[in-house]
Amino acid sequence: METVKLSGDGRCDSPGYSAKYGLYSFIEQSSEKVVDFTVTQVSQVANSNAMEKADILREKWLSIVHHTANVHDWDGCTHFHGCAHPPLERDDEKAIKWLKIGEPSHDVLKEVVFDKKIQAAAEKLSEFCHTGSLESFHALLTKYCPKRQHFSYKGMVARAQLAALDHNANSGRNHASITNGDRQGEHRYRTVFPKNRKAWVAKPIKEKKSYCHVSEMMCDVIGRRRSGREDGNINVPDLPANIAPTPRPPVEDVVTAHLTRFRQ
C-alpha cells in the first residue's frame, strides 16, 4: 500500500482584510494532484484571517469518520456540518464499501482521526514538505478566480473546480527540450532572480500545457444533458445575504447615528 502525503494551505479571494471567501485546498505530494478543497465565506468564521486557521483543517480532518460511514450530514462542528460533495446517486452509494459505525474497522479509524497528537501535528505539516505544487495551484486559481472580481458562492466553487481540473491535467509535465539547432535535445531553462536567494538561478521549462480535458468535459456535459442527468449540483450552506455580522438597519437610523457622531 502506497503512502498518501497531503499538504494543505488557504487562499483568500481578495487582498488585505476585505476577503469574502477563503479556499483551503489539499494536494497529494507525490502526484502533485489536487485531491480536495473547501470554500468558506467569511461570515462563517470570526474574520478573513480565521479562514486560514488550523480549526478549518481540523474539522475537515474529523469529518472523515462521518463520510467513511456513509454519514454526510452531522452536528457539533463550527464550520462543517456536511460533506461538500453533491448527493450520491443510489447506484454509486451501493457500490461503495462503507465502514459501519460500531464495528472494529470504524473504531480503529476513529482512534487515528481523534488522536490529539496527530491533530496537533497537522498545524506543522507544512514544515516537513515542499509546497511548491500547492503554491502553483493557488497561482492558477487567480486565472479562474481573479481577486478583484466578485463571485457568488457557487461561482467560487465551480471556478475552483475548473482550476483543479486544469492543474491535475497538467501536473507532472516533462522537462521541455530544444527541438532544433545545434543544441537539439538539450533541456530548456529560464533564469530568474528570487529576492530571497539574491542571486540568479536556473529553472526548468516544462512542456506546453494540454487542454484535452476540456473537450472530454464538454462531451460529458452534453451527454449528461441529453440523458436527463442533472447530478453534480453544488451544495450551498446556509449563508447570510451579505458578510455583515448584523442585519441591515433602517437607513434613517444609520443617517441619524452618522449625524450625531459629527455633532459631538
Protein backbone atom coordinates (compact mmCIF):
# COMPACT_ATOMS: atom_id res chain seq x y z
CA MET A 1 0.00 0.00 0.00
CA GLU A 2 1.41 3.37 -1.03
CA THR A 3 1.63 6.21 1.48
CA VAL A 4 -0.54 9.26 0.82
CA LYS A 5 1.22 12.55 1.58
CA LEU A 6 -1.10 15.55 1.81
CA SER A 7 -0.21 19.22 2.04
CA GLY A 8 -2.80 21.93 2.58
CA ASP A 9 -2.98 25.71 2.56
CA GLY A 10 -5.53 28.51 2.46
CA ARG A 11 -6.04 31.32 -0.04
CA CYS A 12 -8.31 34.35 0.35
CA ASP A 13 -10.20 35.79 -2.61
CA SER A 14 -9.08 39.43 -2.19
CA PRO A 15 -6.04 41.33 -0.89
CA GLY A 16 -5.76 42.62 2.67
CA TYR A 17 -8.52 42.14 5.23
CA SER A 18 -11.51 42.51 2.88
CA ALA A 19 -11.79 38.88 1.80
CA LYS A 20 -15.25 37.37 1.42
CA TYR A 21 -14.21 33.79 0.64
CA GLY A 22 -11.41 31.56 1.80
CA LEU A 23 -10.40 28.46 -0.14
CA TYR A 24 -8.47 25.69 1.63
CA SER A 25 -7.04 23.06 -0.71
CA PHE A 26 -5.19 19.76 -0.33
CA ILE A 27 -2.60 18.36 -2.75
CA GLU A 28 -1.08 14.89 -2.75
CA GLN A 29 2.66 15.49 -2.69
CA SER A 30 3.83 12.55 -4.80
CA SER A 31 1.40 13.00 -7.70
CA GLU A 32 1.03 16.79 -7.25
CA LYS A 33 -2.73 16.35 -7.80
CA VAL A 34 -5.41 18.42 -6.07
CA VAL A 35 -7.49 15.93 -4.05
CA ASP A 36 -9.94 18.25 -2.31
CA PHE A 37 -10.76 21.85 -1.44
CA THR A 38 -13.28 23.76 0.67
CA VAL A 39 -14.73 27.23 0.10
CA THR A 40 -15.65 29.13 3.28
CA GLN A 41 -17.42 32.50 3.46
CA VAL A 42 -16.05 34.99 6.00
CA SER A 43 -19.47 35.17 7.70
CA GLN A 44 -18.94 31.55 8.76
CA VAL A 45 -15.83 32.46 10.78
CA ALA A 46 -14.64 35.30 13.00
CA ASN A 47 -12.77 37.20 10.25
CA SER A 48 -10.90 36.68 7.00
CA ASN A 49 -7.70 35.73 8.84
CA ALA A 50 -9.58 32.98 10.66
CA MET A 51 -10.44 31.31 7.36
CA GLU A 52 -6.85 30.02 7.19
CA LYS A 53 -6.64 28.89 10.81
CA ALA A 54 -5.99 25.32 11.84
CA ASP A 55 -9.56 24.69 13.04
CA ILE A 56 -10.71 24.53 9.41
CA LEU A 57 -8.15 21.83 8.69
CA ARG A 58 -9.01 20.05 11.93
CA GLU A 59 -12.75 19.94 11.22
CA LYS A 60 -12.09 18.77 7.69
CA TRP A 61 -9.91 16.01 9.12
CA LEU A 62 -12.51 14.97 11.72
CA SER A 63 -15.24 14.72 9.08
CA ILE A 64 -13.51 11.60 7.74
CA VAL A 65 -15.20 9.47 10.40
CA HIS A 66 -18.62 10.53 9.12
CA HIS A 67 -18.07 10.26 5.37
CA THR A 68 -16.46 6.82 5.52
CA ALA A 69 -19.56 5.54 7.35
CA ASN A 70 -21.93 6.96 4.72
CA VAL A 71 -22.98 9.81 7.03
CA HIS A 72 -22.87 13.07 5.09
CA ASP A 73 -24.64 15.46 7.49
CA TRP A 74 -23.80 15.96 11.15
CA ASP A 75 -23.91 18.37 14.10
CA GLY A 76 -21.30 19.57 16.55
CA CYS A 77 -18.91 21.46 14.25
CA THR A 78 -18.46 25.20 13.80
CA HIS A 79 -17.67 25.35 10.09
CA PHE A 80 -18.57 22.00 8.53
CA HIS A 81 -21.95 20.35 9.03
CA GLY A 82 -21.91 18.09 5.99
CA CYS A 83 -19.85 16.72 3.14
CA ALA A 84 -19.04 19.14 0.33
CA HIS A 85 -19.77 16.61 -2.42
CA PRO A 86 -23.21 16.54 -4.09
CA PRO A 87 -25.76 13.86 -3.12
CA LEU A 88 -24.62 10.43 -4.22
CA GLU A 89 -26.50 8.51 -6.87
CA ARG A 90 -28.20 5.41 -5.44
CA ASP A 91 -26.12 3.06 -7.62
CA ASP A 92 -22.87 4.81 -6.64
CA GLU A 93 -23.82 4.67 -2.96
CA LYS A 94 -24.50 0.93 -3.15
CA ALA A 95 -21.21 0.28 -4.96
CA ILE A 96 -19.07 1.84 -2.21
CA LYS A 97 -17.92 -0.38 0.66
CA TRP A 98 -18.73 1.88 3.61
CA LEU A 99 -17.47 1.32 7.12
CA LYS A 100 -20.12 0.57 9.75
CA ILE A 101 -20.31 2.63 12.93
CA GLY A 102 -19.52 0.49 15.96
CA GLU A 103 -17.54 -2.13 14.07
CA PRO A 104 -13.78 -2.59 14.75
CA SER A 105 -12.69 -1.10 11.42
CA HIS A 106 -14.51 2.18 12.11
CA ASP A 107 -13.33 2.24 15.73
CA VAL A 108 -9.72 1.93 14.58
CA LEU A 109 -10.22 4.81 12.14
CA LYS A 110 -11.69 6.96 14.93
CA GLU A 111 -8.66 6.26 17.13
CA VAL A 112 -6.39 7.63 14.40
CA VAL A 113 -8.58 10.60 13.47
CA PHE A 114 -9.24 11.72 17.06
CA ASP A 115 -5.65 11.22 18.20
CA LYS A 116 -4.66 14.55 19.83
CA LYS A 117 -1.01 14.22 18.78
CA ILE A 118 -1.96 13.78 15.13
CA GLN A 119 -4.34 16.76 15.32
CA ALA A 120 -1.67 18.92 16.94
CA ALA A 121 0.88 17.86 14.31
CA ALA A 122 -1.47 18.85 11.49
CA GLU A 123 -0.65 22.53 12.05
CA LYS A 124 3.05 21.85 11.46
CA LEU A 125 2.81 19.57 8.43
CA SER A 126 3.88 22.31 6.00
CA GLU A 127 7.26 22.49 7.75
CA PHE A 128 8.16 18.99 6.56
CA CYS A 129 7.31 19.08 2.86
CA HIS A 130 7.81 21.29 -0.16
CA THR A 131 4.59 23.12 -1.04
CA GLY A 132 5.61 24.42 -4.47
CA SER A 133 2.86 22.50 -6.27
CA LEU A 134 0.27 23.88 -3.85
CA GLU A 135 1.51 27.43 -4.43
CA SER A 136 1.36 26.82 -8.19
CA PHE A 137 -2.26 25.74 -7.88
CA HIS A 138 -3.14 28.85 -5.89
CA ALA A 139 -1.44 30.98 -8.56
CA LEU A 140 -3.52 29.20 -11.20
CA LEU A 141 -6.65 29.98 -9.17
CA THR A 142 -6.05 33.68 -9.86
CA LYS A 143 -6.73 32.97 -13.55
CA TYR A 144 -10.09 31.36 -12.80
CA CYS A 145 -10.98 33.45 -9.71
CA PRO A 146 -9.45 36.94 -10.09
CA LYS A 147 -9.10 38.52 -6.67
CA ARG A 148 -10.55 41.86 -7.75
CA GLN A 149 -13.75 40.37 -9.14
CA HIS A 150 -16.71 39.22 -7.05
CA PHE A 151 -18.30 35.79 -7.48
CA SER A 152 -21.19 34.01 -5.84
CA TYR A 153 -20.54 31.01 -3.60
CA LYS A 154 -21.48 28.63 -6.43
CA GLY A 155 -19.30 30.63 -8.79
CA MET A 156 -16.29 30.31 -6.49
CA VAL A 157 -16.74 26.55 -6.11
CA ALA A 158 -17.28 25.99 -9.85
CA ARG A 159 -14.26 28.10 -10.81
CA ALA A 160 -12.09 26.34 -8.24
CA GLN A 161 -13.21 23.01 -9.70
CA LEU A 162 -12.16 24.16 -13.18
CA ALA A 163 -8.79 25.28 -11.79
CA ALA A 164 -8.30 21.91 -10.08
CA LEU A 165 -9.09 20.06 -13.33
CA ASP A 166 -6.62 22.28 -15.21
CA HIS A 167 -3.92 21.72 -12.57
CA ASN A 168 -4.41 17.95 -12.36
CA ALA A 169 -4.42 17.55 -16.15
CA ASN A 170 -1.04 19.27 -16.40
CA SER A 171 0.79 18.20 -13.25
CA GLY A 172 3.90 16.11 -13.77
CA ARG A 173 4.75 17.54 -17.19
CA ASN A 174 8.16 16.56 -18.53
CA HIS A 175 11.16 18.85 -18.84
CA ALA A 176 10.97 20.58 -22.25
CA SER A 177 13.81 20.09 -24.71
CA ILE A 178 15.21 22.17 -27.56
CA THR A 179 13.70 20.84 -30.80
CA ASN A 180 16.14 22.15 -33.44
CA GLY A 181 19.61 23.58 -34.00
CA ASP A 182 22.97 22.53 -32.63
CA ARG A 183 21.55 22.17 -29.11
CA GLN A 184 18.64 19.96 -30.15
CA GLY A 185 17.68 17.53 -27.38
CA GLU A 186 19.11 19.64 -24.55
CA HIS A 187 16.82 20.62 -21.72
CA ARG A 188 15.40 24.15 -21.70
CA TYR A 189 15.83 26.55 -18.77
CA ARG A 190 14.93 30.11 -17.85
CA THR A 191 16.77 32.42 -15.46
CA VAL A 192 15.05 34.18 -12.55
CA PHE A 193 16.24 36.36 -9.67
CA PRO A 194 14.42 35.40 -6.43
CA LYS A 195 14.62 38.08 -3.74
CA ASN A 196 15.25 35.53 -1.00
CA ARG A 197 18.19 33.98 -2.88
CA LYS A 198 19.72 37.29 -4.04
CA ALA A 199 21.30 35.51 -6.99
CA TRP A 200 20.32 34.41 -10.49
CA VAL A 201 19.10 30.81 -10.63
CA ALA A 202 18.08 28.48 -13.47
CA LYS A 203 14.60 26.98 -13.50
CA PRO A 204 13.50 24.16 -15.81
CA ILE A 205 10.94 24.93 -18.52
CA LYS A 206 8.22 22.31 -18.71
CA GLU A 207 6.43 21.08 -21.80
CA LYS A 208 3.42 23.08 -23.02
CA LYS A 209 0.15 22.60 -21.19
CA SER A 210 -2.57 20.37 -22.58
CA TYR A 211 -6.29 21.18 -22.53
CA CYS A 212 -7.58 17.83 -23.76
CA HIS A 213 -9.60 17.51 -20.55
CA VAL A 214 -11.77 20.46 -21.64
CA SER A 215 -13.07 18.59 -24.73
CA GLU A 216 -13.74 15.49 -22.63
CA MET A 217 -15.56 17.57 -20.02
CA MET A 218 -17.72 19.31 -22.65
CA CYS A 219 -18.67 15.96 -24.20
CA ASP A 220 -19.58 14.65 -20.75
CA VAL A 221 -21.74 17.71 -20.05
CA ILE A 222 -23.59 17.30 -23.36
CA GLY A 223 -24.04 13.58 -22.71
CA ARG A 224 -25.48 14.19 -19.23
CA ARG A 225 -27.83 16.82 -20.60
CA ARG A 226 -29.12 14.51 -23.31
CA SER A 227 -29.65 11.65 -20.85
CA GLY A 228 -31.54 13.90 -18.45
CA ARG A 229 -28.99 13.57 -15.63
CA GLU A 230 -28.66 16.71 -13.55
CA ASP A 231 -26.39 15.47 -10.78
CA GLY A 232 -23.37 17.46 -9.74
CA ASN A 233 -25.24 20.34 -8.14
CA ILE A 234 -23.20 22.40 -5.69
CA ASN A 235 -24.42 22.25 -2.10
CA VAL A 236 -24.64 25.79 -0.75
CA PRO A 237 -24.51 26.20 3.05
CA ASP A 238 -27.00 28.44 4.83
CA LEU A 239 -25.29 31.79 4.28
CA PRO A 240 -26.48 35.33 5.06
CA ALA A 241 -27.26 37.74 2.23
CA ASN A 242 -24.01 39.62 2.87
CA ILE A 243 -20.92 39.36 5.08
CA ALA A 244 -22.11 41.90 7.68
CA PRO A 245 -22.29 40.31 11.18
CA THR A 246 -25.61 42.06 11.94
CA PRO A 247 -28.81 42.61 9.89
CA ARG A 248 -29.08 45.80 7.81
CA PRO A 249 -30.70 48.56 9.95
CA PRO A 250 -33.15 51.17 8.55
CA VAL A 251 -31.31 53.86 6.60
CA GLU A 252 -32.81 56.55 8.85
CA ASP A 253 -31.12 55.04 11.92
CA VAL A 254 -27.76 54.92 10.16
CA VAL A 255 -28.05 58.54 8.99
CA THR A 256 -29.05 59.69 12.49
CA ALA A 257 -26.08 57.91 14.05
CA HIS A 258 -23.80 59.43 11.41
CA LEU A 259 -25.04 62.98 12.06
CA THR A 260 -24.95 62.55 15.83
CA ARG A 261 -21.32 61.44 15.71
CA PHE A 262 -20.30 64.60 13.85
CA ARG A 263 -22.22 66.89 16.24
CA GLN A 264 -20.35 65.53 19.26
